[in-house]
C-alpha atoms as a PDB file:
ATOM      1  CA  MET A   1      24.709  16.242  45.667  1.00  0.00           C
ATOM      2  CA  THR A   2      24.157  13.473  48.109  1.00  0.00           C
ATOM      3  CA  SER A   3      25.962  10.304  47.499  1.00  0.00           C
ATOM      4  CA  LEU A   4      21.933   8.649  47.245  1.00  0.00           C
ATOM      5  CA  GLU A   5      21.447  11.412  44.888  1.00  0.00           C
ATOM      6  CA  ALA A   6      24.599  10.350  42.955  1.00  0.00           C
ATOM      7  CA  ILE A   7      23.983   6.824  43.245  1.00  0.00           C
ATOM      8  CA  ILE A   8      20.214   6.902  42.106  1.00  0.00           C
ATOM      9  CA  ARG A   9      21.250   8.821  38.914  1.00  0.00           C
ATOM     10  CA  GLU A  10      24.121   5.807  38.559  1.00  0.00           C
ATOM     11  CA  LEU A  11      21.695   4.348  38.854  1.00  0.00           C
ATOM     12  CA  GLY A  12      19.179   5.828  36.413  1.00  0.00           C
ATOM     13  CA  ARG A  13      22.121   5.747  33.731  1.00  0.00           C
ATOM     14  CA  ALA A  14      23.000   2.130  34.177  1.00  0.00           C
ATOM     15  CA  ALA A  15      18.642   0.935  33.601  1.00  0.00           C
ATOM     16  CA  ALA A  16      18.873   2.705  30.401  1.00  0.00           C
ATOM     17  CA  ARG A  17      22.254   1.405  29.112  1.00  0.00           C
ATOM     18  CA  ALA A  18      20.503  -1.895  29.946  1.00  0.00           C
ATOM     19  CA  ARG A  19      16.876  -0.826  27.717  1.00  0.00           C
ATOM     20  CA  GLY A  20      19.402   0.219  25.043  1.00  0.00           C
ATOM     21  CA  ALA A  21      21.025  -3.424  25.038  1.00  0.00           C
ATOM     22  CA  ARG A  22      17.579  -4.649  25.338  1.00  0.00           C
ATOM     23  CA  TYR A  23      16.630  -2.635  21.892  1.00  0.00           C
ATOM     24  CA  ALA A  24      19.477  -3.373  20.419  1.00  0.00           C
ATOM     25  CA  VAL A  25      19.195  -7.838  20.896  1.00  0.00           C
ATOM     26  CA  HIS A  26      15.375  -7.200  20.291  1.00  0.00           C
ATOM     27  CA  ALA A  27      16.038  -5.232  16.454  1.00  0.00           C
ATOM     28  CA  LEU A  28      18.585  -8.274  15.499  1.00  0.00           C
ATOM     29  CA  VAL A  29      16.348 -10.609  16.647  1.00  0.00           C
ATOM     30  CA  ALA A  30      13.852  -9.144  14.250  1.00  0.00           C
ATOM     31  CA  ALA A  31      16.521  -8.287  11.044  1.00  0.00           C
ATOM     32  CA  LEU A  32      17.084 -12.182  11.220  1.00  0.00           C
ATOM     33  CA  ALA A  33      13.613 -12.741  11.400  1.00  0.00           C
ATOM     34  CA  TRP A  34      13.137 -10.137   8.716  1.00  0.00           C
ATOM     35  CA  ILE A  35      15.449 -12.328   6.128  1.00  0.00           C
ATOM     36  CA  ALA A  36      14.613 -16.060   7.759  1.00  0.00           C
ATOM     37  CA  LEU A  37      10.769 -14.315   6.149  1.00  0.00           C
ATOM     38  CA  VAL A  38      12.233 -12.968   3.195  1.00  0.00           C
ATOM     39  CA  LEU A  39      13.825 -16.211   2.424  1.00  0.00           C
ATOM     40  CA  VAL A  40      11.421 -17.918   2.749  1.00  0.00           C
ATOM     41  CA  ILE A  41       9.147 -16.095   0.036  1.00  0.00           C
ATOM     42  CA  ALA A  42      11.622 -16.259  -1.895  1.00  0.00           C
ATOM     43  CA  ARG A  43      11.835 -19.639  -1.772  1.00  0.00           C
ATOM     44  CA  LEU A  44       7.825 -20.318  -2.595  1.00  0.00           C
ATOM     45  CA  THR A  45       7.497 -17.462  -5.172  1.00  0.00           C
ATOM     46  CA  PRO A  46      10.143 -16.557  -6.894  1.00  0.00           C
ATOM     47  CA  PHE A  47      11.446 -13.468  -7.357  1.00  0.00           C
ATOM     48  CA  GLU A  48      15.047 -12.200  -8.233  1.00  0.00           C
ATOM     49  CA  GLY A  49      15.216  -9.499  -5.412  1.00  0.00           C
ATOM     50  CA  ARG A  50      15.335 -11.134  -2.049  1.00  0.00           C
ATOM     51  CA  ALA A  51      19.193 -10.307  -1.429  1.00  0.00           C
ATOM     52  CA  LEU A  52      17.905  -6.298  -2.116  1.00  0.00           C
ATOM     53  CA  VAL A  53      14.469  -6.587   0.204  1.00  0.00           C
ATOM     54  CA  ALA A  54      16.157  -8.596   2.884  1.00  0.00           C
ATOM     55  CA  ALA A  55      19.281  -5.765   2.770  1.00  0.00           C
ATOM     56  CA  VAL A  56      16.817  -3.315   2.629  1.00  0.00           C
ATOM     57  CA  GLY A  57      14.790  -5.022   5.804  1.00  0.00           C
ATOM     58  CA  ILE A  58      17.673  -4.406   8.071  1.00  0.00           C
ATOM     59  CA  PRO A  59      17.935  -0.838   8.404  1.00  0.00           C
ATOM     60  CA  ILE A  60      14.268  -0.247   8.528  1.00  0.00           C
ATOM     61  CA  VAL A  61      14.531  -2.460  11.609  1.00  0.00           C
ATOM     62  CA  LEU A  62      17.150  -0.920  13.263  1.00  0.00           C
ATOM     63  CA  VAL A  63      15.483   2.569  12.902  1.00  0.00           C
ATOM     64  CA  ILE A  64      12.221   1.380  14.482  1.00  0.00           C
ATOM     65  CA  ALA A  65      13.984   0.220  17.623  1.00  0.00           C
ATOM     66  CA  LEU A  66      15.911   3.017  17.467  1.00  0.00           C
ATOM     67  CA  LEU A  67      12.703   5.089  17.170  1.00  0.00           C
ATOM     68  CA  ALA A  68      11.613   3.118  20.034  1.00  0.00           C
ATOM     69  CA  TRP A  69      13.798   3.422  22.422  1.00  0.00           C
ATOM     70  CA  LEU A  70      14.446   6.800  21.897  1.00  0.00           C
ATOM     71  CA  ILE A  71      10.767   7.147  23.101  1.00  0.00           C
ATOM     72  CA  ARG A  72      10.798   4.848  25.450  1.00  0.00           C
ATOM     73  CA  ARG A  73      13.674   6.521  27.619  1.00  0.00           C
ATOM     74  CA  PRO A  74      13.274   8.556  30.539  1.00  0.00           C
ATOM     75  CA  THR A  75      13.168  12.168  30.232  1.00  0.00           C
ATOM     76  CA  ALA A  76      15.238  14.323  32.755  1.00  0.00           C
ATOM     77  CA  GLN A  77      12.104  16.003  33.893  1.00  0.00           C
ATOM     78  CA  GLY A  78      10.563  12.307  34.382  1.00  0.00           C
ATOM     79  CA  ALA A  79      14.247  11.405  35.597  1.00  0.00           C
ATOM     80  CA  ALA A  80      14.149  14.509  38.066  1.00  0.00           C
ATOM     81  CA  PHE A  81      10.413  12.953  39.555  1.00  0.00           C
ATOM     82  CA  HIS A  82      11.537   9.955  40.602  1.00  0.00           C
ATOM     83  CA  GLY A  83      15.066  11.028  42.563  1.00  0.00           C
ATOM     84  CA  VAL A  84      13.026  13.594  44.628  1.00  0.00           C
ATOM     85  CA  GLY A  85      10.575  10.782  45.164  1.00  0.00           C
ATOM     86  CA  ALA A  86      13.809   8.457  46.377  1.00  0.00           C
ATOM     87  CA  ALA A  87      15.276  11.655  48.678  1.00  0.00           C
ATOM     88  CA  GLU A  88      12.311  12.294  50.240  1.00  0.00           C
ATOM     89  CA  ARG A  89      12.441   8.464  51.590  1.00  0.00           C
ATOM     90  CA  VAL A  90      15.228   9.202  53.363  1.00  0.00           C
ATOM     91  CA  ARG A  91      15.039  10.078  56.738  1.00  0.00           C
ATOM     92  CA  SER A  92      16.166  12.822  58.959  1.00  0.00           C
ATOM     93  CA  ASP A  93      19.137  10.958  61.109  1.00  0.00           C
ATOM     94  CA  GLY A  94      20.637   9.881  56.920  1.00  0.00           C
ATOM     95  CA  ARG A  95      19.320   6.219  57.182  1.00  0.00           C
ATOM     96  CA  HIS A  96      16.401   4.970  54.892  1.00  0.00           C
ATOM     97  CA  SER A  97      13.004   4.554  55.442  1.00  0.00           C
ATOM     98  CA  VAL A  98      10.679   1.413  54.789  1.00  0.00           C
ATOM     99  CA  THR A  99       7.793   2.414  51.869  1.00  0.00           C
END
């Protein structure tokens, strides 16, 4: 494996971690929005199970965010495909071509 391929692979891993963090933040915001929505509805209409409904909604939001991240993450075949394109742009003398 050349150093360029190692760099490309490491950048792909870093991008996957960054996407995971972004989805985690979105999940946290969605969970907070869910709690706020339940509390507003509980204020407008009387029902006793608001804490239970709020607590049940949090794991559901986290699972949805996890599924979205799993669907969006690149597969090994897709990562290999992108790596081939980058490797092909390296000229025979080792310098990068501008595309």
